[in-house]
Every structure is written in C-alpha cells, then in structure tokens.
Amino acid sequence: MGLTSHIEELKKKHSDLSHRVEVAQRSPGTSDAEIADMKKQKLRLKEEIERLSAEHA
C-alpha cells in the first residue's frame, strides 16, 4: 500500500469514527468512557494523518 492510499484509509477511519462519536453522544445508552475512548482513537488517527502528511510533503 502506498503512503497516499494509507493516508486516505486513515482519513476514512477518522471520518467513520467521527460519525460513531456523534451517534454515541446522542444515544443515552453509551457511557462517557466509551465516548472518551472513541475520541482518543480519533485524535490518534488525526495525529498519524498529520505526521504522515508532513513526511509525504
């Protein structure tokens, strides 16, 4: 897998996770801990995307 396609895959995962966070925040059955965990995963993906994009530039 090339770097560009890897970055695009990470962006897709970030977008999917963002949507899951939004849905979870509206769902009363989702715990704050679960939402916080998803947000941490989202942040890690964003940081990885930024790091790889900077290396690729």
Protein backbone atom coordinates (compact mmCIF):
# COMPACT_ATOMS: atom_id res chain seq x y z
CA MET A 1 0.00 0.00 0.00
CA GLY A 2 1.38 3.40 -0.97
CA LEU A 3 1.67 6.22 1.52
CA THR A 4 -1.08 8.25 -0.16
CA SER A 5 -3.55 5.38 -0.06
CA HIS A 6 -2.60 4.68 3.56
CA ILE A 7 -3.31 8.32 4.47
CA GLU A 8 -6.66 8.14 2.64
CA GLU A 9 -7.56 4.98 4.55
CA LEU A 10 -6.72 6.70 7.85
CA LYS A 11 -8.87 9.68 6.83
CA LYS A 12 -11.76 7.33 6.11
CA LYS A 13 -11.36 5.67 9.51
CA HIS A 14 -11.24 9.11 11.16
CA SER A 15 -14.45 10.15 9.38
CA ASP A 16 -16.21 6.90 10.31
CA LEU A 17 -15.13 7.29 13.92
CA SER A 18 -16.32 10.90 13.95
CA HIS A 19 -19.74 9.73 12.84
CA ARG A 20 -19.77 7.00 15.51
CA VAL A 21 -18.93 9.59 18.19
CA GLU A 22 -21.80 11.81 17.05
CA VAL A 23 -24.25 8.90 17.16
CA ALA A 24 -22.95 7.75 20.56
CA GLN A 25 -23.31 11.22 22.04
CA ARG A 26 -26.99 11.23 21.09
CA SER A 27 -27.53 7.72 22.46
CA PRO A 28 -28.34 7.61 26.18
CA GLY A 29 -27.03 4.03 26.40
CA THR A 30 -23.46 4.96 25.56
CA SER A 31 -21.20 5.60 28.54
CA ASP A 32 -18.98 8.65 28.81
CA ALA A 33 -15.98 6.31 28.99
CA GLU A 34 -16.86 4.75 25.62
CA ILE A 35 -17.25 8.16 24.02
CA ALA A 36 -13.95 9.35 25.52
CA ASP A 37 -12.21 6.23 24.18
CA MET A 38 -13.56 6.85 20.68
CA LYS A 39 -12.43 10.48 20.86
CA LYS A 40 -8.93 9.37 21.88
CA GLN A 41 -8.81 6.95 18.94
CA LYS A 42 -9.96 9.76 16.66
CA LEU A 43 -7.22 12.07 17.96
CA ARG A 44 -4.55 9.38 17.46
CA LEU A 45 -5.73 8.92 13.86
CA LYS A 46 -5.63 12.67 13.26
CA GLU A 47 -2.11 12.92 14.65
CA GLU A 48 -0.97 9.98 12.50
CA ILE A 49 -2.54 11.56 9.39
CA GLU A 50 -0.78 14.86 10.11
CA ARG A 51 2.55 13.14 10.74
CA LEU A 52 2.39 11.09 7.56
CA SER A 53 1.19 14.06 5.51
CA ALA A 54 4.11 16.14 6.75
CA GLU A 55 6.56 13.37 5.83
CA HIS A 56 4.93 12.98 2.42
CA ALA A 57 5.05 16.71 1.60
